[in-house]
Amino acid sequence: MENKELEKLQIEDTQYITNLSPRYKSRKPYSPALPGEVISFIPGTIVEILVETGSQVKSGDDLMILEAMKMKNRVKSQISGVVKKIDVNPGDRVTKGTLLMEIG
């Protein structure tokens, strides 16, 4: 049996002493999306973009339709503001976490 050095792992208010895998150590740390960034929540294909650059949107407005697993998902705005930039086009295939649009 290998004698690996144990490391501390903090999950919420509990601290654990354990062996951490190389995959866990090399993971990308979590960082929350900025409020004006619209990020894809699942992989799929952009079917339709319902707004244009410069459009005024309110929180809850539909921005685009993302098709995934034969379902059409409406991507909604989380904030009110003006569409600054659209980073995708209809027909684009996107992965989870792709920046779709910026609202300011």
Protein backbone atom coordinates (compact mmCIF):
# COMPACT_ATOMS: atom_id res chain seq x y z
CA MET A 1 0.00 0.00 0.00
CA GLU A 2 1.30 3.43 -0.94
CA ASN A 3 1.96 5.96 1.78
CA LYS A 4 0.42 9.13 0.29
CA GLU A 5 0.35 12.36 2.18
CA LEU A 6 -3.14 13.22 3.38
CA GLU A 7 -4.58 16.64 2.58
CA LYS A 8 -7.34 18.82 3.99
CA LEU A 9 -10.64 19.20 2.11
CA GLN A 10 -13.21 21.77 3.27
CA ILE A 11 -16.85 21.20 2.28
CA GLU A 12 -19.12 23.86 3.72
CA ASP A 13 -18.44 23.80 7.49
CA THR A 14 -16.80 20.37 7.66
CA GLN A 15 -13.11 19.66 7.17
CA TYR A 16 -11.95 16.22 5.98
CA ILE A 17 -8.46 14.69 5.90
CA THR A 18 -8.18 12.51 2.78
CA ASN A 19 -6.21 11.56 -0.33
CA LEU A 20 -7.01 13.90 -3.23
CA SER A 21 -6.89 12.46 -6.75
CA PRO A 22 -4.79 14.15 -9.47
CA ARG A 23 -8.02 14.78 -11.40
CA TYR A 24 -9.54 16.61 -8.41
CA LYS A 25 -6.38 18.67 -7.91
CA SER A 26 -6.27 19.77 -11.57
CA ARG A 27 -9.94 20.75 -11.84
CA LYS A 28 -10.96 24.27 -12.78
CA PRO A 29 -12.07 26.14 -9.65
CA TYR A 30 -15.69 27.29 -9.52
CA SER A 31 -16.35 30.91 -10.34
CA PRO A 32 -19.90 32.27 -10.62
CA ALA A 33 -20.99 33.86 -13.90
CA LEU A 34 -21.16 37.62 -14.03
CA PRO A 35 -24.76 38.91 -13.81
CA GLY A 36 -24.79 40.19 -17.41
CA GLU A 37 -23.37 37.03 -18.97
CA VAL A 38 -25.85 34.54 -20.42
CA ILE A 39 -24.25 31.09 -20.26
CA SER A 40 -25.57 27.84 -21.76
CA PHE A 41 -26.83 25.54 -19.03
CA ILE A 42 -26.78 22.41 -21.23
CA PRO A 43 -25.10 21.45 -24.52
CA GLY A 44 -27.22 21.86 -27.62
CA THR A 45 -27.90 23.78 -30.82
CA ILE A 46 -29.03 27.40 -31.08
CA VAL A 47 -32.33 27.28 -33.00
CA GLU A 48 -33.43 30.92 -32.89
CA ILE A 49 -32.25 34.21 -31.42
CA LEU A 50 -35.21 36.32 -30.29
CA VAL A 51 -33.40 39.62 -29.61
CA GLU A 52 -30.87 41.83 -31.37
CA THR A 53 -27.86 43.80 -30.20
CA GLY A 54 -29.20 46.99 -28.62
CA SER A 55 -32.55 45.43 -27.62
CA GLN A 56 -33.98 46.41 -24.23
CA VAL A 57 -34.80 43.29 -22.16
CA LYS A 58 -36.40 42.74 -18.78
CA SER A 59 -35.66 39.98 -16.30
CA GLY A 60 -37.56 36.88 -17.44
CA ASP A 61 -37.71 37.83 -21.15
CA ASP A 62 -36.94 35.08 -23.67
CA LEU A 63 -33.59 35.63 -25.39
CA MET A 64 -33.10 32.56 -27.57
CA ILE A 65 -34.14 28.96 -28.11
CA LEU A 66 -31.61 26.22 -27.40
CA GLU A 67 -32.47 22.73 -28.65
CA ALA A 68 -31.13 19.82 -26.62
CA MET A 69 -32.24 16.18 -26.71
CA LYS A 70 -35.12 17.08 -29.08
CA MET A 71 -36.47 19.65 -26.60
CA LYS A 72 -36.60 23.36 -27.31
CA ASN A 73 -35.45 25.27 -24.22
CA ARG A 74 -36.12 28.98 -23.88
CA VAL A 75 -33.09 30.84 -22.53
CA LYS A 76 -34.36 33.70 -20.36
CA SER A 77 -32.72 36.91 -19.18
CA GLN A 78 -31.73 36.94 -15.52
CA ILE A 79 -31.44 40.76 -15.41
CA SER A 80 -32.95 43.82 -17.03
CA GLY A 81 -30.77 45.80 -19.41
CA VAL A 82 -29.62 46.23 -22.99
CA VAL A 83 -28.19 43.42 -25.13
CA LYS A 84 -24.55 44.42 -25.61
CA LYS A 85 -23.26 41.48 -27.63
CA ILE A 86 -24.55 38.21 -29.08
CA ASP A 87 -21.80 35.61 -29.22
CA VAL A 88 -23.63 32.84 -31.14
CA ASN A 89 -25.64 32.41 -34.33
CA PRO A 90 -28.60 30.18 -35.22
CA GLY A 91 -27.31 26.69 -36.03
CA ASP A 92 -24.29 26.95 -33.72
CA ARG A 93 -23.64 23.91 -31.51
CA VAL A 94 -22.65 24.94 -28.00
CA THR A 95 -21.33 23.11 -24.98
CA LYS A 96 -22.40 23.61 -21.38
CA GLY A 97 -20.85 26.81 -20.05
CA THR A 98 -20.56 28.59 -23.43
CA LEU A 99 -21.02 32.38 -23.33
CA LEU A 100 -24.13 33.06 -25.44
CA MET A 101 -24.84 36.74 -24.88
CA GLU A 102 -23.87 39.77 -22.81
CA ILE A 103 -26.42 42.13 -21.23
CA GLY A 104 -25.51 45.40 -19.58
